[in-house]
Amino acid sequence: MTGGNAIRGMRIGSSPVGVEIDRGDSAPRQQVAYWCDKGHLTEPSFAMEARVPDTWECSHCGLPAGRDRENPPPPKRNEPYKSHLAYVKERRSDADGMRLLDEALRKLRQQRGRSEE
């Protein structure tokens, strides 16, 4: 058996046990239905005056969900990670790369006072 001086956790802003605090009226809400490509229904609630987004993330599978049950948005394409070098190779050919490398080496050699080899 543990000691009798255990500290009990409470959330910030909570009131003592058994005491009700009037926190005012909550804003009028609306629930909006969204469907994903797998047919899951997600119904987040929004304030009545808030702009309702066209898409929402499905709370079940994480796919994008739309408001049209018959035509949900397609799943996002997951592109593989590309390194910086892969992006450079998309923009430059091997010949361009060799030309730039030769130019950079020539400048470096000139700075060091060496002639071209």
C-alpha atoms as a PDB file:
ATOM      1  CA  MET A   1       0.000   0.000   0.000  1.00  0.00           C
ATOM      2  CA  THR A   2       1.293   3.460  -0.884  1.00  0.00           C
ATOM      3  CA  GLY A   3       1.493   6.476   1.362  1.00  0.00           C
ATOM      4  CA  GLY A   4      -1.447   8.787   1.869  1.00  0.00           C
ATOM      5  CA  ASN A   5       0.127  11.959   0.484  1.00  0.00           C
ATOM      6  CA  ALA A   6      -0.139  11.213  -3.248  1.00  0.00           C
ATOM      7  CA  ILE A   7      -0.504  14.255  -5.476  1.00  0.00           C
ATOM      8  CA  ARG A   8      -3.447  14.024  -7.812  1.00  0.00           C
ATOM      9  CA  GLY A   9      -3.166  15.530 -11.297  1.00  0.00           C
ATOM     10  CA  MET A  10      -5.557  18.168 -12.555  1.00  0.00           C
ATOM     11  CA  ARG A  11      -5.704  19.915 -15.896  1.00  0.00           C
ATOM     12  CA  ILE A  12      -4.891  23.605 -16.140  1.00  0.00           C
ATOM     13  CA  GLY A  13      -7.935  25.790 -15.701  1.00  0.00           C
ATOM     14  CA  SER A  14      -9.950  23.113 -13.942  1.00  0.00           C
ATOM     15  CA  SER A  15     -12.006  23.845 -10.892  1.00  0.00           C
ATOM     16  CA  PRO A  16     -12.037  22.003  -7.593  1.00  0.00           C
ATOM     17  CA  VAL A  17     -13.884  18.708  -7.626  1.00  0.00           C
ATOM     18  CA  GLY A  18     -17.634  19.158  -7.405  1.00  0.00           C
ATOM     19  CA  VAL A  19     -17.634  22.903  -8.165  1.00  0.00           C
ATOM     20  CA  GLU A  20     -19.265  24.024 -11.393  1.00  0.00           C
ATOM     21  CA  ILE A  21     -17.906  27.195 -12.970  1.00  0.00           C
ATOM     22  CA  ASP A  22     -19.955  29.096 -15.529  1.00  0.00           C
ATOM     23  CA  ARG A  23     -17.739  29.473 -18.603  1.00  0.00           C
ATOM     24  CA  GLY A  24     -20.361  31.245 -20.688  1.00  0.00           C
ATOM     25  CA  ASP A  25     -22.238  30.114 -23.741  1.00  0.00           C
ATOM     26  CA  SER A  26     -20.405  28.244 -26.470  1.00  0.00           C
ATOM     27  CA  ALA A  27     -20.631  29.506 -30.032  1.00  0.00           C
ATOM     28  CA  PRO A  28     -23.324  27.965 -32.236  1.00  0.00           C
ATOM     29  CA  ARG A  29     -21.822  24.973 -34.067  1.00  0.00           C
ATOM     30  CA  GLN A  30     -22.495  23.009 -37.249  1.00  0.00           C
ATOM     31  CA  GLN A  31     -21.353  19.491 -38.083  1.00  0.00           C
ATOM     32  CA  VAL A  32     -20.082  18.895 -41.611  1.00  0.00           C
ATOM     33  CA  ALA A  33     -19.841  15.429 -43.194  1.00  0.00           C
ATOM     34  CA  TYR A  34     -16.699  14.418 -45.117  1.00  0.00           C
ATOM     35  CA  TRP A  35     -16.085  11.088 -46.886  1.00  0.00           C
ATOM     36  CA  CYS A  36     -12.734   9.609 -47.881  1.00  0.00           C
ATOM     37  CA  ASP A  37     -11.930   7.257 -50.769  1.00  0.00           C
ATOM     38  CA  LYS A  38     -12.405   4.255 -48.447  1.00  0.00           C
ATOM     39  CA  GLY A  39     -15.933   5.353 -47.514  1.00  0.00           C
ATOM     40  CA  HIS A  40     -15.164   6.498 -43.960  1.00  0.00           C
ATOM     41  CA  LEU A  41     -17.337   9.277 -42.554  1.00  0.00           C
ATOM     42  CA  THR A  42     -15.737  12.106 -40.560  1.00  0.00           C
ATOM     43  CA  GLU A  43     -17.919  14.825 -39.016  1.00  0.00           C
ATOM     44  CA  PRO A  44     -15.931  17.700 -37.504  1.00  0.00           C
ATOM     45  CA  SER A  45     -17.851  20.626 -36.049  1.00  0.00           C
ATOM     46  CA  PHE A  46     -17.279  24.245 -37.005  1.00  0.00           C
ATOM     47  CA  ALA A  47     -18.596  27.564 -35.761  1.00  0.00           C
ATOM     48  CA  MET A  48     -21.626  28.672 -37.753  1.00  0.00           C
ATOM     49  CA  GLU A  49     -19.835  31.771 -39.087  1.00  0.00           C
ATOM     50  CA  ALA A  50     -16.577  29.914 -39.922  1.00  0.00           C
ATOM     51  CA  ARG A  51     -15.596  29.141 -43.514  1.00  0.00           C
ATOM     52  CA  VAL A  52     -15.970  25.374 -43.976  1.00  0.00           C
ATOM     53  CA  PRO A  53     -13.028  23.810 -45.888  1.00  0.00           C
ATOM     54  CA  ASP A  54     -13.664  21.744 -49.026  1.00  0.00           C
ATOM     55  CA  THR A  55     -11.429  18.894 -47.822  1.00  0.00           C
ATOM     56  CA  TRP A  56     -10.603  17.432 -44.417  1.00  0.00           C
ATOM     57  CA  GLU A  57      -8.266  14.671 -43.269  1.00  0.00           C
ATOM     58  CA  CYS A  58     -10.102  11.410 -42.542  1.00  0.00           C
ATOM     59  CA  SER A  59      -9.895  10.624 -38.830  1.00  0.00           C
ATOM     60  CA  HIS A  60      -9.886   6.880 -39.553  1.00  0.00           C
ATOM     61  CA  CYS A  61      -7.231   6.406 -42.262  1.00  0.00           C
ATOM     62  CA  GLY A  62      -5.664   9.848 -42.855  1.00  0.00           C
ATOM     63  CA  LEU A  63      -6.690  10.094 -46.526  1.00  0.00           C
ATOM     64  CA  PRO A  64      -8.140  13.366 -47.818  1.00  0.00           C
ATOM     65  CA  ALA A  65     -11.920  13.493 -47.428  1.00  0.00           C
ATOM     66  CA  GLY A  66     -14.410  15.617 -49.330  1.00  0.00           C
ATOM     67  CA  ARG A  67     -17.994  16.700 -48.889  1.00  0.00           C
ATOM     68  CA  ASP A  68     -19.296  14.768 -51.926  1.00  0.00           C
ATOM     69  CA  ARG A  69     -19.892  11.163 -50.858  1.00  0.00           C
ATOM     70  CA  GLU A  70     -19.974   9.858 -54.441  1.00  0.00           C
ATOM     71  CA  ASN A  71     -16.782  11.649 -55.552  1.00  0.00           C
ATOM     72  CA  PRO A  72     -14.240  11.788 -52.702  1.00  0.00           C
ATOM     73  CA  PRO A  73     -10.854  13.382 -53.426  1.00  0.00           C
ATOM     74  CA  PRO A  74      -8.164  10.991 -54.691  1.00  0.00           C
ATOM     75  CA  PRO A  75      -5.378   9.922 -52.322  1.00  0.00           C
ATOM     76  CA  LYS A  76      -2.291  12.131 -52.369  1.00  0.00           C
ATOM     77  CA  ARG A  77       0.662  10.842 -54.346  1.00  0.00           C
ATOM     78  CA  ASN A  78       3.501   9.959 -52.041  1.00  0.00           C
ATOM     79  CA  GLU A  79       6.669  11.034 -53.825  1.00  0.00           C
ATOM     80  CA  PRO A  80       9.886   9.355 -52.721  1.00  0.00           C
ATOM     81  CA  TYR A  81      12.618  11.392 -51.070  1.00  0.00           C
ATOM     82  CA  LYS A  82      15.058  12.996 -53.490  1.00  0.00           C
ATOM     83  CA  SER A  83      18.508  14.191 -52.551  1.00  0.00           C
ATOM     84  CA  HIS A  84      19.902  17.546 -53.586  1.00  0.00           C
ATOM     85  CA  LEU A  85      22.059  15.770 -56.153  1.00  0.00           C
ATOM     86  CA  ALA A  86      18.984  14.123 -57.724  1.00  0.00           C
ATOM     87  CA  TYR A  87      17.362  17.549 -58.212  1.00  0.00           C
ATOM     88  CA  VAL A  88      20.576  18.925 -59.736  1.00  0.00           C
ATOM     89  CA  LYS A  89      20.772  15.979 -62.134  1.00  0.00           C
ATOM     90  CA  GLU A  90      17.207  16.730 -63.263  1.00  0.00           C
ATOM     91  CA  ARG A  91      18.257  20.260 -64.255  1.00  0.00           C
ATOM     92  CA  ARG A  92      21.715  19.557 -65.716  1.00  0.00           C
ATOM     93  CA  SER A  93      23.099  16.984 -68.135  1.00  0.00           C
ATOM     94  CA  ASP A  94      26.377  15.172 -67.433  1.00  0.00           C
ATOM     95  CA  ALA A  95      28.092  17.333 -70.080  1.00  0.00           C
ATOM     96  CA  ASP A  96      26.877  20.523 -68.348  1.00  0.00           C
ATOM     97  CA  GLY A  97      28.143  19.195 -65.040  1.00  0.00           C
ATOM     98  CA  MET A  98      31.595  18.409 -66.422  1.00  0.00           C
ATOM     99  CA  ARG A  99      31.808  21.858 -68.049  1.00  0.00           C
ATOM    100  CA  LEU A 100      30.920  23.581 -64.748  1.00  0.00           C
ATOM    101  CA  LEU A 101      33.381  21.417 -62.818  1.00  0.00           C
ATOM    102  CA  ASP A 102      36.207  22.189 -65.266  1.00  0.00           C
ATOM    103  CA  GLU A 103      35.431  25.908 -65.044  1.00  0.00           C
ATOM    104  CA  ALA A 104      35.440  25.829 -61.224  1.00  0.00           C
ATOM    105  CA  LEU A 105      38.739  23.885 -61.134  1.00  0.00           C
ATOM    106  CA  ARG A 106      40.341  26.337 -63.590  1.00  0.00           C
ATOM    107  CA  LYS A 107      39.326  29.310 -61.388  1.00  0.00           C
ATOM    108  CA  LEU A 108      40.610  27.564 -58.276  1.00  0.00           C
ATOM    109  CA  ARG A 109      43.961  26.832 -59.891  1.00  0.00           C
ATOM    110  CA  GLN A 110      44.258  30.456 -61.028  1.00  0.00           C
ATOM    111  CA  GLN A 111      43.599  31.669 -57.481  1.00  0.00           C
ATOM    112  CA  ARG A 112      46.354  29.412 -56.161  1.00  0.00           C
ATOM    113  CA  GLY A 113      48.728  30.650 -58.828  1.00  0.00           C
ATOM    114  CA  ARG A 114      49.087  27.347 -60.616  1.00  0.00           C
ATOM    115  CA  SER A 115      48.892  27.011 -64.310  1.00  0.00           C
ATOM    116  CA  GLU A 116      46.448  24.658 -65.968  1.00  0.00           C
ATOM    117  CA  GLU A 117      47.589  21.083 -66.029  1.00  0.00           C
END
